[in-house]
Amino acid sequence: MECPKAAQPLFFFTERLICQPKLIREGATLVQSAADVIETIRPMASRVASPASPFEGYRLEEGSDDERDAIIALLSASPVPVDELVRQSGAAPGAVQLVLLELDLAGRLDRHAGGKVSLTA
């Protein structure tokens, strides 16, 4: 039986109770609350934290109105796979998703099973 790496006090008999003495002998940390977990992992934070970098989302380039119009022209009341929109429009997947998000927020887009979308009827 695989034992967890932290021991938690149990007030009733379970299979995990068998592992606890072994874990404590091996140097496991006794965990009674979330604060105990935070205290245990805080020294590791500097080793695993990545440097903060600002998120740069997808930006449509100049002439993006033509691209947006081309994507919208491919939509109809019939559901179309998003992958097919990307292929037929020749636009970047991020640009297609951005146009779909704009339409969705405007209430002009319906999403269907299988990753399909259509214009609201």
PDB file of N, CA and C in Angstrom:
ATOM      1  N   MET A   1       0.848  -1.168   0.000  1.00  0.00           N
ATOM      2  CA  MET A   1       0.000   0.000   0.000  1.00  0.00           C
ATOM      3  C   MET A   1       0.898   1.237   0.000  1.00  0.00           C
ATOM      4  N   GLU A   2       0.606   2.183  -0.918  1.00  0.00           N
ATOM      5  CA  GLU A   2       1.359   3.439  -1.008  1.00  0.00           C
ATOM      6  C   GLU A   2       0.914   4.371   0.107  1.00  0.00           C
ATOM      7  N   CYS A   3       1.858   4.880   0.882  1.00  0.00           N
ATOM      8  CA  CYS A   3       1.548   5.778   1.993  1.00  0.00           C
ATOM      9  C   CYS A   3       1.721   7.218   1.546  1.00  0.00           C
ATOM     10  N   PRO A   4       0.865   8.121   2.012  1.00  0.00           N
ATOM     11  CA  PRO A   4       1.044   9.539   1.692  1.00  0.00           C
ATOM     12  C   PRO A   4       2.303  10.072   2.355  1.00  0.00           C
ATOM     13  N   LYS A   5       2.769  11.231   1.879  1.00  0.00           N
ATOM     14  CA  LYS A   5       4.018  11.790   2.379  1.00  0.00           C
ATOM     15  C   LYS A   5       3.831  12.734   3.559  1.00  0.00           C
ATOM     16  N   ALA A   6       2.608  12.974   3.980  1.00  0.00           N
ATOM     17  CA  ALA A   6       2.350  13.798   5.160  1.00  0.00           C
ATOM     18  C   ALA A   6       1.391  13.044   6.056  1.00  0.00           C
ATOM     19  N   ALA A   7       1.619  13.118   7.345  1.00  0.00           N
ATOM     20  CA  ALA A   7       0.763  12.406   8.296  1.00  0.00           C
ATOM     21  C   ALA A   7      -0.313  13.354   8.803  1.00  0.00           C
ATOM     22  N   GLN A   8      -1.529  12.857   8.855  1.00  0.00           N
ATOM     23  CA  GLN A   8      -2.654  13.661   9.320  1.00  0.00           C
ATOM     24  C   GLN A   8      -3.271  12.921  10.503  1.00  0.00           C
ATOM     25  N   PRO A   9      -3.536  13.609  11.615  1.00  0.00           N
ATOM     26  CA  PRO A   9      -4.109  12.909  12.760  1.00  0.00           C
ATOM     27  C   PRO A   9      -5.503  12.393  12.433  1.00  0.00           C
ATOM     28  N   LEU A  10      -5.746  11.142  12.758  1.00  0.00           N
ATOM     29  CA  LEU A  10      -7.058  10.536  12.515  1.00  0.00           C
ATOM     30  C   LEU A  10      -7.689  10.166  13.850  1.00  0.00           C
ATOM     31  N   PHE A  11      -8.957  10.392  13.971  1.00  0.00           N
ATOM     32  CA  PHE A  11      -9.659  10.115  15.217  1.00  0.00           C
ATOM     33  C   PHE A  11     -10.502   8.850  15.133  1.00  0.00           C
ATOM     34  N   PHE A  12     -10.385   8.145  14.030  1.00  0.00           N
ATOM     35  CA  PHE A  12     -11.085   6.887  13.863  1.00  0.00           C
ATOM     36  C   PHE A  12     -10.166   5.935  13.100  1.00  0.00           C
ATOM     37  N   PHE A  13     -10.431   4.662  13.194  1.00  0.00           N
ATOM     38  CA  PHE A  13      -9.557   3.670  12.589  1.00  0.00           C
ATOM     39  C   PHE A  13      -9.798   3.580  11.086  1.00  0.00           C
ATOM     40  N   THR A  14      -8.747   3.737  10.343  1.00  0.00           N
ATOM     41  CA  THR A  14      -8.810   3.537   8.890  1.00  0.00           C
ATOM     42  C   THR A  14      -7.528   2.848   8.460  1.00  0.00           C
ATOM     43  N   GLU A  15      -7.445   2.547   7.177  1.00  0.00           N
ATOM     44  CA  GLU A  15      -6.234   1.920   6.657  1.00  0.00           C
ATOM     45  C   GLU A  15      -5.050   2.866   6.763  1.00  0.00           C
ATOM     46  N   ARG A  16      -5.313   4.185   6.681  1.00  0.00           N
ATOM     47  CA  ARG A  16      -4.223   5.149   6.748  1.00  0.00           C
ATOM     48  C   ARG A  16      -3.575   5.194   8.126  1.00  0.00           C
ATOM     49  N   LEU A  17      -4.279   4.779   9.136  1.00  0.00           N
ATOM     50  CA  LEU A  17      -3.745   4.804  10.490  1.00  0.00           C
ATOM     51  C   LEU A  17      -2.513   3.907  10.591  1.00  0.00           C
ATOM     52  N   ILE A  18      -2.477   2.871   9.788  1.00  0.00           N
ATOM     53  CA  ILE A  18      -1.355   1.935   9.791  1.00  0.00           C
ATOM     54  C   ILE A  18      -0.095   2.628   9.253  1.00  0.00           C
ATOM     55  N   CYS A  19      -0.253   3.520   8.301  1.00  0.00           N
ATOM     56  CA  CYS A  19       0.893   4.191   7.677  1.00  0.00           C
ATOM     57  C   CYS A  19       1.492   5.282   8.552  1.00  0.00           C
ATOM     58  N   GLN A  20       0.728   5.876   9.446  1.00  0.00           N
ATOM     59  CA  GLN A  20       1.193   7.051  10.165  1.00  0.00           C
ATOM     60  C   GLN A  20       2.431   6.831  11.015  1.00  0.00           C
ATOM     61  N   PRO A  21       2.508   5.806  11.836  1.00  0.00           N
ATOM     62  CA  PRO A  21       3.746   5.648  12.617  1.00  0.00           C
ATOM     63  C   PRO A  21       4.971   5.502  11.723  1.00  0.00           C
ATOM     64  N   LYS A  22       4.831   4.808  10.627  1.00  0.00           N
ATOM     65  CA  LYS A  22       5.936   4.634   9.692  1.00  0.00           C
ATOM     66  C   LYS A  22       6.332   5.985   9.097  1.00  0.00           C
ATOM     67  N   LEU A  23       5.356   6.783   8.713  1.00  0.00           N
ATOM     68  CA  LEU A  23       5.641   8.091   8.136  1.00  0.00           C
ATOM     69  C   LEU A  23       6.352   9.003   9.126  1.00  0.00           C
ATOM     70  N   ILE A  24       5.890   9.018  10.345  1.00  0.00           N
ATOM     71  CA  ILE A  24       6.493   9.880  11.350  1.00  0.00           C
ATOM     72  C   ILE A  24       7.929   9.435  11.636  1.00  0.00           C
ATOM     73  N   ARG A  25       8.167   8.121  11.663  1.00  0.00           N
ATOM     74  CA  ARG A  25       9.538   7.624  11.834  1.00  0.00           C
ATOM     75  C   ARG A  25      10.425   8.062  10.675  1.00  0.00           C
ATOM     76  N   GLU A  26       9.852   8.142   9.476  1.00  0.00           N
ATOM     77  CA  GLU A  26      10.622   8.541   8.295  1.00  0.00           C
ATOM     78  C   GLU A  26      10.780  10.057   8.182  1.00  0.00           C
ATOM     79  N   GLY A  27      10.203  10.813   9.126  1.00  0.00           N
ATOM     80  CA  GLY A  27      10.379  12.259   9.130  1.00  0.00           C
ATOM     81  C   GLY A  27       9.262  13.047   8.487  1.00  0.00           C
ATOM     82  N   ALA A  28       8.097  12.458   8.314  1.00  0.00           N
ATOM     83  CA  ALA A  28       6.968  13.181   7.734  1.00  0.00           C
ATOM     84  C   ALA A  28       6.528  14.296   8.670  1.00  0.00           C
ATOM     85  N   THR A  29       5.979  15.329   8.095  1.00  0.00           N
ATOM     86  CA  THR A  29       5.484  16.466   8.872  1.00  0.00           C
ATOM     87  C   THR A  29       4.048  16.182   9.293  1.00  0.00           C
ATOM     88  N   LEU A  30       3.753  16.417  10.550  1.00  0.00           N
ATOM     89  CA  LEU A  30       2.397  16.234  11.040  1.00  0.00           C
ATOM     90  C   LEU A  30       1.558  17.423  10.578  1.00  0.00           C
ATOM     91  N   VAL A  31       0.485  17.142   9.866  1.00  0.00           N
ATOM     92  CA  VAL A  31      -0.363  18.186   9.288  1.00  0.00           C
ATOM     93  C   VAL A  31      -1.697  18.183   9.991  1.00  0.00           C
ATOM     94  N   GLN A  32      -2.032  19.329  10.591  1.00  0.00           N
ATOM     95  CA  GLN A  32      -3.318  19.451  11.267  1.00  0.00           C
ATOM     96  C   GLN A  32      -4.207  20.511  10.633  1.00  0.00           C
ATOM     97  N   SER A  33      -3.609  21.406   9.832  1.00  0.00           N
ATOM     98  CA  SER A  33      -4.403  22.463   9.209  1.00  0.00           C
ATOM     99  C   SER A  33      -3.711  22.923   7.929  1.00  0.00           C
ATOM    100  N   ALA A  34      -4.397  23.778   7.202  1.00  0.00           N
ATOM    101  CA  ALA A  34      -3.821  24.332   5.977  1.00  0.00           C
ATOM    102  C   ALA A  34      -2.591  25.174   6.289  1.00  0.00           C
ATOM    103  N   ALA A  35      -2.594  25.824   7.444  1.00  0.00           N
ATOM    104  CA  ALA A  35      -1.443  26.636   7.841  1.00  0.00           C
ATOM    105  C   ALA A  35      -0.188  25.776   7.960  1.00  0.00           C
ATOM    106  N   ASP A  36      -0.335  24.525   8.421  1.00  0.00           N
ATOM    107  CA  ASP A  36       0.811  23.624   8.522  1.00  0.00           C
ATOM    108  C   ASP A  36       1.387  23.316   7.139  1.00  0.00           C
ATOM    109  N   VAL A  37       0.513  23.149   6.162  1.00  0.00           N
ATOM    110  CA  VAL A  37       0.965  22.866   4.799  1.00  0.00           C
ATOM    111  C   VAL A  37       1.717  24.073   4.246  1.00  0.00           C
ATOM    112  N   ILE A  38       1.153  25.261   4.426  1.00  0.00           N
ATOM    113  CA  ILE A  38       1.791  26.480   3.928  1.00  0.00           C
ATOM    114  C   ILE A  38       3.149  26.675   4.582  1.00  0.00           C
ATOM    115  N   GLU A  39       3.224  26.439   5.879  1.00  0.00           N
ATOM    116  CA  GLU A  39       4.488  26.581   6.602  1.00  0.00           C
ATOM    117  C   GLU A  39       5.536  25.606   6.065  1.00  0.00           C
ATOM    118  N   THR A  40       5.106  24.430   5.684  1.00  0.00           N
ATOM    119  CA  THR A  40       6.027  23.411   5.193  1.00  0.00           C
ATOM    120  C   THR A  40       6.541  23.738   3.797  1.00  0.00           C
ATOM    121  N   ILE A  41       5.677  24.247   2.930  1.00  0.00           N
ATOM    122  CA  ILE A  41       6.104  24.478   1.542  1.00  0.00           C
ATOM    123  C   ILE A  41       6.656  25.875   1.290  1.00  0.00           C
ATOM    124  N   ARG A  42       6.487  26.805   2.224  1.00  0.00           N
ATOM    125  CA  ARG A  42       6.981  28.174   2.024  1.00  0.00           C
ATOM    126  C   ARG A  42       8.473  28.216   1.679  1.00  0.00           C
ATOM    127  N   PRO A  43       9.364  27.464   2.340  1.00  0.00           N
ATOM    128  CA  PRO A  43      10.782  27.524   1.968  1.00  0.00           C
ATOM    129  C   PRO A  43      11.051  27.074   0.530  1.00  0.00           C
ATOM    130  N   MET A  44      10.173  26.280  -0.030  1.00  0.00           N
ATOM    131  CA  MET A  44      10.360  25.802  -1.400  1.00  0.00           C
ATOM    132  C   MET A  44       9.890  26.804  -2.438  1.00  0.00           C
ATOM    133  N   ALA A  45       9.137  27.807  -2.043  1.00  0.00           N
ATOM    134  CA  ALA A  45       8.521  28.741  -2.988  1.00  0.00           C
ATOM    135  C   ALA A  45       9.551  29.454  -3.853  1.00  0.00           C
ATOM    136  N   SER A  46      10.677  29.823  -3.279  1.00  0.00           N
ATOM    137  CA  SER A  46      11.680  30.554  -4.058  1.00  0.00           C
ATOM    138  C   SER A  46      12.317  29.676  -5.133  1.00  0.00           C
ATOM    139  N   ARG A  47      12.307  28.380  -4.945  1.00  0.00           N
ATOM    140  CA  ARG A  47      12.906  27.480  -5.926  1.00  0.00           C
ATOM    141  C   ARG A  47      11.971  27.161  -7.079  1.00  0.00           C
ATOM    142  N   VAL A  48      10.660  27.253  -6.860  1.00  0.00           N
ATOM    143  CA  VAL A  48       9.718  26.872  -7.903  1.00  0.00           C
ATOM    144  C   VAL A  48       9.007  28.055  -8.545  1.00  0.00           C
ATOM    145  N   ALA A  49       9.093  29.217  -7.940  1.00  0.00           N
ATOM    146  CA  ALA A  49       8.397  30.382  -8.488  1.00  0.00           C
ATOM    147  C   ALA A  49       9.093  30.861  -9.751  1.00  0.00           C
ATOM    148  N   SER A  50       8.304  31.137 -10.755  1.00  0.00           N
ATOM    149  CA  SER A  50       8.870  31.675 -11.988  1.00  0.00           C
ATOM    150  C   SER A  50       8.786  33.190 -11.940  1.00  0.00           C
ATOM    151  N   PRO A  51       9.667  33.859 -12.630  1.00  0.00           N
ATOM    152  CA  PRO A  51       9.624  35.317 -12.605  1.00  0.00           C
ATOM    153  C   PRO A  51       8.316  35.814 -13.215  1.00  0.00           C
ATOM    154  N   ALA A  52       7.776  36.854 -12.611  1.00  0.00           N
ATOM    155  CA  ALA A  52       6.514  37.400 -13.093  1.00  0.00           C
ATOM    156  C   ALA A  52       6.730  38.073 -14.438  1.00  0.00           C
ATOM    157  N   SER A  53       5.882  37.765 -15.377  1.00  0.00           N
ATOM    158  CA  SER A  53       5.932  38.413 -16.685  1.00  0.00           C
ATOM    159  C   SER A  53       4.506  38.780 -17.075  1.00  0.00           C
ATOM    160  N   PRO A  54       4.331  39.943 -17.649  1.00  0.00           N
ATOM    161  CA  PRO A  54       2.972  40.347 -18.016  1.00  0.00           C
ATOM    162  C   PRO A  54       2.417  39.465 -19.121  1.00  0.00           C
ATOM    163  N   PHE A  55       1.133  39.190 -19.040  1.00  0.00           N
ATOM    164  CA  PHE A  55       0.471  38.376 -20.065  1.00  0.00           C
ATOM    165  C   PHE A  55       0.253  39.217 -21.303  1.00  0.00           C
ATOM    166  N   GLU A  56       0.687  38.707 -22.414  1.00  0.00           N
ATOM    167  CA  GLU A  56       0.447  39.396 -23.670  1.00  0.00           C
ATOM    168  C   GLU A  56      -0.516  38.551 -24.482  1.00  0.00           C
ATOM    169  N   GLY A  57      -1.736  39.003 -24.536  1.00  0.00           N
ATOM    170  CA  GLY A  57      -2.755  38.288 -25.281  1.00  0.00           C
ATOM    171  C   GLY A  57      -2.563  38.443 -26.771  1.00  0.00           C
ATOM    172  N   TYR A  58      -3.392  37.773 -27.527  1.00  0.00           N
ATOM    173  CA  TYR A  58      -3.323  37.853 -28.983  1.00  0.00           C
ATOM    174  C   TYR A  58      -3.853  39.204 -29.424  1.00  0.00           C
ATOM    175  N   ARG A  59      -3.124  39.863 -30.280  1.00  0.00           N
ATOM    176  CA  ARG A  59      -3.554  41.157 -30.799  1.00  0.00           C
ATOM    177  C   ARG A  59      -3.739  41.054 -32.300  1.00  0.00           C
ATOM    178  N   LEU A  60      -4.896  41.500 -32.756  1.00  0.00           N
ATOM    179  CA  LEU A  60      -5.128  41.521 -34.195  1.00  0.00           C
ATOM    180  C   LEU A  60      -4.285  42.635 -34.811  1.00  0.00           C
ATOM    181  N   GLU A  61      -3.703  42.344 -35.944  1.00  0.00           N
ATOM    182  CA  GLU A  61      -2.850  43.320 -36.601  1.00  0.00           C
ATOM    183  C   GLU A  61      -3.671  44.271 -37.450  1.00  0.00           C
ATOM    184  N   GLU A  62      -2.993  45.213 -38.088  1.00  0.00           N
ATOM    185  CA  GLU A  62      -3.661  46.148 -38.991  1.00  0.00           C
ATOM    186  C   GLU A  62      -4.395  45.362 -40.072  1.00  0.00           C
ATOM    187  N   GLY A  63      -5.515  45.878 -40.494  1.00  0.00           N
ATOM    188  CA  GLY A  63      -6.305  45.182 -41.497  1.00  0.00           C
ATOM    189  C   GLY A  63      -7.123  44.062 -40.889  1.00  0.00           C
ATOM    190  N   SER A  64      -7.259  44.064 -39.579  1.00  0.00           N
ATOM    191  CA  SER A  64      -7.958  42.976 -38.909  1.00  0.00           C
ATOM    192  C   SER A  64      -9.463  43.019 -39.162  1.00  0.00           C
ATOM    193  N   ASP A  65      -9.987  44.175 -39.582  1.00  0.00           N
ATOM    194  CA  ASP A  65     -11.419  44.233 -39.899  1.00  0.00           C
ATOM    195  C   ASP A  65     -11.751  43.313 -41.057  1.00  0.00           C
ATOM    196  N   ASP A  66     -10.850  43.251 -42.036  1.00  0.00           N
ATOM    197  CA  ASP A  66     -11.069  42.343 -43.166  1.00  0.00           C
ATOM    198  C   ASP A  66     -11.049  40.890 -42.689  1.00  0.00           C
ATOM    199  N   GLU A  67     -10.112  40.579 -41.807  1.00  0.00           N
ATOM    200  CA  GLU A  67     -10.006  39.225 -41.259  1.00  0.00           C
ATOM    201  C   GLU A  67     -11.257  38.891 -40.456  1.00  0.00           C
ATOM    202  N   ARG A  68     -11.704  39.820 -39.637  1.00  0.00           N
ATOM    203  CA  ARG A  68     -12.904  39.625 -38.822  1.00  0.00           C
ATOM    204  C   ARG A  68     -14.126  39.399 -39.723  1.00  0.00           C
ATOM    205  N   ASP A  69     -14.257  40.221 -40.762  1.00  0.00           N
ATOM    206  CA  ASP A  69     -15.388  40.081 -41.688  1.00  0.00           C
ATOM    207  C   ASP A  69     -15.358  38.740 -42.412  1.00  0.00           C
ATOM    208  N   ALA A  70     -14.151  38.276 -42.766  1.00  0.00           N
ATOM    209  CA  ALA A  70     -14.021  36.990 -43.456  1.00  0.00           C
ATOM    210  C   ALA A  70     -14.444  35.840 -42.549  1.00  0.00           C
ATOM    211  N   ILE A  71     -14.096  35.927 -41.285  1.00  0.00           N
ATOM    212  CA  ILE A  71     -14.471  34.873 -40.333  1.00  0.00           C
ATOM    213  C   ILE A  71     -15.978  34.880 -40.121  1.00  0.00           C
ATOM    214  N   ILE A  72     -16.552  36.047 -39.942  1.00  0.00           N
ATOM    215  CA  ILE A  72     -18.000  36.144 -39.730  1.00  0.00           C
ATOM    216  C   ILE A  72     -18.756  35.670 -40.962  1.00  0.00           C
ATOM    217  N   ALA A  73     -18.213  35.933 -42.172  1.00  0.00           N
ATOM    218  CA  ALA A  73     -18.867  35.496 -43.410  1.00  0.00           C
ATOM    219  C   ALA A  73     -18.936  33.972 -43.514  1.00  0.00           C
ATOM    220  N   LEU A  74     -18.018  33.279 -42.865  1.00  0.00           N
ATOM    221  CA  LEU A  74     -18.016  31.814 -42.903  1.00  0.00           C
ATOM    222  C   LEU A  74     -19.065  31.205 -41.959  1.00  0.00           C
ATOM    223  N   LEU A  75     -19.622  32.021 -41.073  1.00  0.00           N
ATOM    224  CA  LEU A  75     -20.617  31.530 -40.122  1.00  0.00           C
ATOM    225  C   LEU A  75     -22.018  31.651 -40.697  1.00  0.00           C
ATOM    226  N   SER A  76     -22.879  30.734 -40.290  1.00  0.00           N
ATOM    227  CA  SER A  76     -24.289  30.784 -40.678  1.00  0.00           C
ATOM    228  C   SER A  76     -25.100  30.183 -39.543  1.00  0.00           C
ATOM    229  N   ALA A  77     -26.367  29.921 -39.793  1.00  0.00           N
ATOM    230  CA  ALA A  77     -27.217  29.310 -38.774  1.00  0.00           C
ATOM    231  C   ALA A  77     -26.898  27.826 -38.594  1.00  0.00           C
ATOM    232  N   SER A  78     -26.154  27.245 -39.532  1.00  0.00           N
ATOM    233  CA  SER A  78     -25.760  25.839 -39.437  1.00  0.00           C
ATOM    234  C   SER A  78     -24.462  25.724 -38.646  1.00  0.00           C
ATOM    235  N   PRO A  79     -24.385  24.812 -37.675  1.00  0.00           N
ATOM    236  CA  PRO A  79     -23.161  24.657 -36.884  1.00  0.00           C
ATOM    237  C   PRO A  79     -21.960  24.261 -37.742  1.00  0.00           C
ATOM    238  N   VAL A  80     -20.829  24.907 -37.482  1.00  0.00           N
ATOM    239  CA  VAL A  80     -19.581  24.663 -38.207  1.00  0.00           C
ATOM    240  C   VAL A  80     -18.490  24.411 -37.172  1.00  0.00           C
ATOM    241  N   PRO A  81     -17.616  23.410 -37.379  1.00  0.00           N
ATOM    242  CA  PRO A  81     -16.506  23.202 -36.442  1.00  0.00           C
ATOM    243  C   PRO A  81     -15.552  24.398 -36.440  1.00  0.00           C
ATOM    244  N   VAL A  82     -15.065  24.762 -35.277  1.00  0.00           N
ATOM    245  CA  VAL A  82     -14.136  25.888 -35.157  1.00  0.00           C
ATOM    246  C   VAL A  82     -12.869  25.612 -35.967  1.00  0.00           C
ATOM    247  N   ASP A  83     -12.403  24.382 -35.971  1.00  0.00           N
ATOM    248  CA  ASP A  83     -11.213  24.030 -36.751  1.00  0.00           C
ATOM    249  C   ASP A  83     -11.426  24.308 -38.237  1.00  0.00           C
ATOM    250  N   GLU A  84     -12.637  24.083 -38.703  1.00  0.00           N
ATOM    251  CA  GLU A  84     -12.956  24.340 -40.110  1.00  0.00           C
ATOM    252  C   GLU A  84     -12.931  25.841 -40.403  1.00  0.00           C
ATOM    253  N   LEU A  85     -13.385  26.647 -39.439  1.00  0.00           N
ATOM    254  CA  LEU A  85     -13.312  28.105 -39.599  1.00  0.00           C
ATOM    255  C   LEU A  85     -11.866  28.565 -39.721  1.00  0.00           C
ATOM    256  N   VAL A  86     -11.000  28.001 -38.900  1.00  0.00           N
ATOM    257  CA  VAL A  86      -9.582  28.351 -38.945  1.00  0.00           C
ATOM    258  C   VAL A  86      -9.004  27.976 -40.306  1.00  0.00           C
ATOM    259  N   ARG A  87      -9.322  26.773 -40.768  1.00  0.00           N
ATOM    260  CA  ARG A  87      -8.784  26.292 -42.048  1.00  0.00           C
ATOM    261  C   ARG A  87      -9.285  27.142 -43.209  1.00  0.00           C
ATOM    262  N   GLN A  88     -10.596  27.392 -43.257  1.00  0.00           N
ATOM    263  CA  GLN A  88     -11.166  28.121 -44.392  1.00  0.00           C
ATOM    264  C   GLN A  88     -10.794  29.599 -44.391  1.00  0.00           C
ATOM    265  N   SER A  89     -10.675  30.195 -43.223  1.00  0.00           N
ATOM    266  CA  SER A  89     -10.365  31.622 -43.167  1.00  0.00           C
ATOM    267  C   SER A  89      -8.887  31.911 -43.388  1.00  0.00           C
ATOM    268  N   GLY A  90      -8.041  30.947 -43.054  1.00  0.00           N
ATOM    269  CA  GLY A  90      -6.609  31.157 -43.157  1.00  0.00           C
ATOM    270  C   GLY A  90      -6.071  32.047 -42.040  1.00  0.00           C
ATOM    271  N   ALA A  91      -6.925  32.408 -41.100  1.00  0.00           N
ATOM    272  CA  ALA A  91      -6.520  33.254 -39.976  1.00  0.00           C
ATOM    273  C   ALA A  91      -5.884  32.403 -38.888  1.00  0.00           C
ATOM    274  N   ALA A  92      -5.169  33.058 -38.011  1.00  0.00           N
ATOM    275  CA  ALA A  92      -4.569  32.363 -36.872  1.00  0.00           C
ATOM    276  C   ALA A  92      -5.681  31.870 -35.943  1.00  0.00           C
ATOM    277  N   PRO A  93      -5.483  30.721 -35.298  1.00  0.00           N
ATOM    278  CA  PRO A  93      -6.504  30.209 -34.381  1.00  0.00           C
ATOM    279  C   PRO A  93      -6.888  31.221 -33.302  1.00  0.00           C
ATOM    280  N   GLY A  94      -5.917  31.986 -32.808  1.00  0.00           N
ATOM    281  CA  GLY A  94      -6.204  33.000 -31.798  1.00  0.00           C
ATOM    282  C   GLY A  94      -7.131  34.082 -32.323  1.00  0.00           C
ATOM    283  N   ALA A  95      -6.948  34.466 -33.587  1.00  0.00           N
ATOM    284  CA  ALA A  95      -7.811  35.486 -34.192  1.00  0.00           C
ATOM    285  C   ALA A  95      -9.241  34.969 -34.331  1.00  0.00           C
ATOM    286  N   VAL A  96      -9.375  33.712 -34.746  1.00  0.00           N
ATOM    287  CA  VAL A  96     -10.713  33.118 -34.875  1.00  0.00           C
ATOM    288  C   VAL A  96     -11.388  33.049 -33.511  1.00  0.00           C
ATOM    289  N   GLN A  97     -10.660  32.606 -32.508  1.00  0.00           N
ATOM    290  CA  GLN A  97     -11.236  32.512 -31.162  1.00  0.00           C
ATOM    291  C   GLN A  97     -11.640  33.884 -30.640  1.00  0.00           C
ATOM    292  N   LEU A  98     -10.852  34.901 -30.949  1.00  0.00           N
ATOM    293  CA  LEU A  98     -11.165  36.257 -30.507  1.00  0.00           C
ATOM    294  C   LEU A  98     -12.452  36.761 -31.152  1.00  0.00           C
ATOM    295  N   VAL A  99     -12.616  36.529 -32.440  1.00  0.00           N
ATOM    296  CA  VAL A  99     -13.845  36.936 -33.128  1.00  0.00           C
ATOM    297  C   VAL A  99     -15.040  36.172 -32.562  1.00  0.00           C
ATOM    298  N   LEU A 100     -14.865  34.873 -32.318  1.00  0.00           N
ATOM    299  CA  LEU A 100     -15.957  34.078 -31.746  1.00  0.00           C
ATOM    300  C   LEU A 100     -16.323  34.570 -30.353  1.00  0.00           C
ATOM    301  N   LEU A 101     -15.327  34.941 -29.561  1.00  0.00           N
ATOM    302  CA  LEU A 101     -15.592  35.469 -28.227  1.00  0.00           C
ATOM    303  C   LEU A 101     -16.377  36.773 -28.311  1.00  0.00           C
ATOM    304  N   GLU A 102     -15.977  37.654 -29.221  1.00  0.00           N
ATOM    305  CA  GLU A 102     -16.701  38.915 -29.397  1.00  0.00           C
ATOM    306  C   GLU A 102     -18.155  38.660 -29.777  1.00  0.00           C
ATOM    307  N   LEU A 103     -18.377  37.728 -30.703  1.00  0.00           N
ATOM    308  CA  LEU A 103     -19.746  37.396 -31.109  1.00  0.00           C
ATOM    309  C   LEU A 103     -20.531  36.778 -29.956  1.00  0.00           C
ATOM    310  N   ASP A 104     -19.862  35.920 -29.194  1.00  0.00           N
ATOM    311  CA  ASP A 104     -20.510  35.262 -28.057  1.00  0.00           C
ATOM    312  C   ASP A 104     -20.931  36.296 -27.012  1.00  0.00           C
ATOM    313  N   LEU A 105     -20.049  37.237 -26.718  1.00  0.00           N
ATOM    314  CA  LEU A 105     -20.364  38.271 -25.731  1.00  0.00           C
ATOM    315  C   LEU A 105     -21.484  39.187 -26.215  1.00  0.00           C
ATOM    316  N   ALA A 106     -21.580  39.362 -27.529  1.00  0.00           N
ATOM    317  CA  ALA A 106     -22.636  40.193 -28.105  1.00  0.00           C
ATOM    318  C   ALA A 106     -23.956  39.433 -28.214  1.00  0.00           C
ATOM    319  N   GLY A 107     -23.939  38.134 -27.889  1.00  0.00           N
ATOM    320  CA  GLY A 107     -25.162  37.325 -27.966  1.00  0.00           C
ATOM    321  C   GLY A 107     -25.514  36.894 -29.371  1.00  0.00           C
ATOM    322  N   ARG A 108     -24.525  36.926 -30.270  1.00  0.00           N
ATOM    323  CA  ARG A 108     -24.775  36.571 -31.667  1.00  0.00           C
ATOM    324  C   ARG A 108     -24.263  35.185 -32.043  1.00  0.00           C
ATOM    325  N   LEU A 109     -23.744  34.426 -31.066  1.00  0.00           N
ATOM    326  CA  LEU A 109     -23.136  33.135 -31.354  1.00  0.00           C
ATOM    327  C   LEU A 109     -23.743  32.052 -30.482  1.00  0.00           C
ATOM    328  N   ASP A 110     -23.995  30.901 -31.085  1.00  0.00           N
ATOM    329  CA  ASP A 110     -24.438  29.718 -30.345  1.00  0.00           C
ATOM    330  C   ASP A 110     -23.319  28.693 -30.404  1.00  0.00           C
ATOM    331  N   ARG A 111     -23.044  28.060 -29.274  1.00  0.00           N
ATOM    332  CA  ARG A 111     -22.038  26.993 -29.225  1.00  0.00           C
ATOM    333  C   ARG A 111     -22.746  25.655 -29.165  1.00  0.00           C
ATOM    334  N   HIS A 112     -22.226  24.691 -29.923  1.00  0.00           N
ATOM    335  CA  HIS A 112     -22.833  23.365 -30.010  1.00  0.00           C
ATOM    336  C   HIS A 112     -21.825  22.296 -29.609  1.00  0.00           C
ATOM    337  N   ALA A 113     -22.328  21.098 -29.407  1.00  0.00           N
ATOM    338  CA  ALA A 113     -21.468  19.969 -29.049  1.00  0.00           C
ATOM    339  C   ALA A 113     -20.460  19.719 -30.163  1.00  0.00           C
ATOM    340  N   GLY A 114     -19.320  19.186 -29.777  1.00  0.00           N
ATOM    341  CA  GLY A 114     -18.297  18.826 -30.761  1.00  0.00           C
ATOM    342  C   GLY A 114     -17.479  20.008 -31.240  1.00  0.00           C
ATOM    343  N   GLY A 115     -17.467  21.098 -30.484  1.00  0.00           N
ATOM    344  CA  GLY A 115     -16.668  22.253 -30.864  1.00  0.00           C
ATOM    345  C   GLY A 115     -17.212  22.992 -32.072  1.00  0.00           C
ATOM    346  N   LYS A 116     -18.527  22.963 -32.250  1.00  0.00           N
ATOM    347  CA  LYS A 116     -19.156  23.657 -33.372  1.00  0.00           C
ATOM    348  C   LYS A 116     -19.802  24.941 -32.911  1.00  0.00           C
ATOM    349  N   VAL A 117     -19.884  25.911 -33.831  1.00  0.00           N
ATOM    350  CA  VAL A 117     -20.495  27.200 -33.547  1.00  0.00           C
ATOM    351  C   VAL A 117     -21.395  27.600 -34.711  1.00  0.00           C
ATOM    352  N   SER A 118     -22.363  28.457 -34.402  1.00  0.00           N
ATOM    353  CA  SER A 118     -23.239  29.007 -35.438  1.00  0.00           C
ATOM    354  C   SER A 118     -23.709  30.374 -34.996  1.00  0.00           C
ATOM    355  N   LEU A 119     -24.172  31.155 -35.983  1.00  0.00           N
ATOM    356  CA  LEU A 119     -24.768  32.434 -35.649  1.00  0.00           C
ATOM    357  C   LEU A 119     -26.133  32.212 -35.033  1.00  0.00           C
ATOM    358  N   THR A 120     -26.510  33.063 -34.102  1.00  0.00           N
ATOM    359  CA  THR A 120     -27.820  32.952 -33.471  1.00  0.00           C
ATOM    360  C   THR A 120     -28.886  33.222 -34.516  1.00  0.00           C
ATOM    361  N   ALA A 121     -29.888  32.360 -34.528  1.00  0.00           N
ATOM    362  CA  ALA A 121     -30.958  32.495 -35.533  1.00  0.00           C
ATOM    363  C   ALA A 121     -31.907  33.619 -35.188  1.00  0.00           C
TER     364      ALA A 121
END
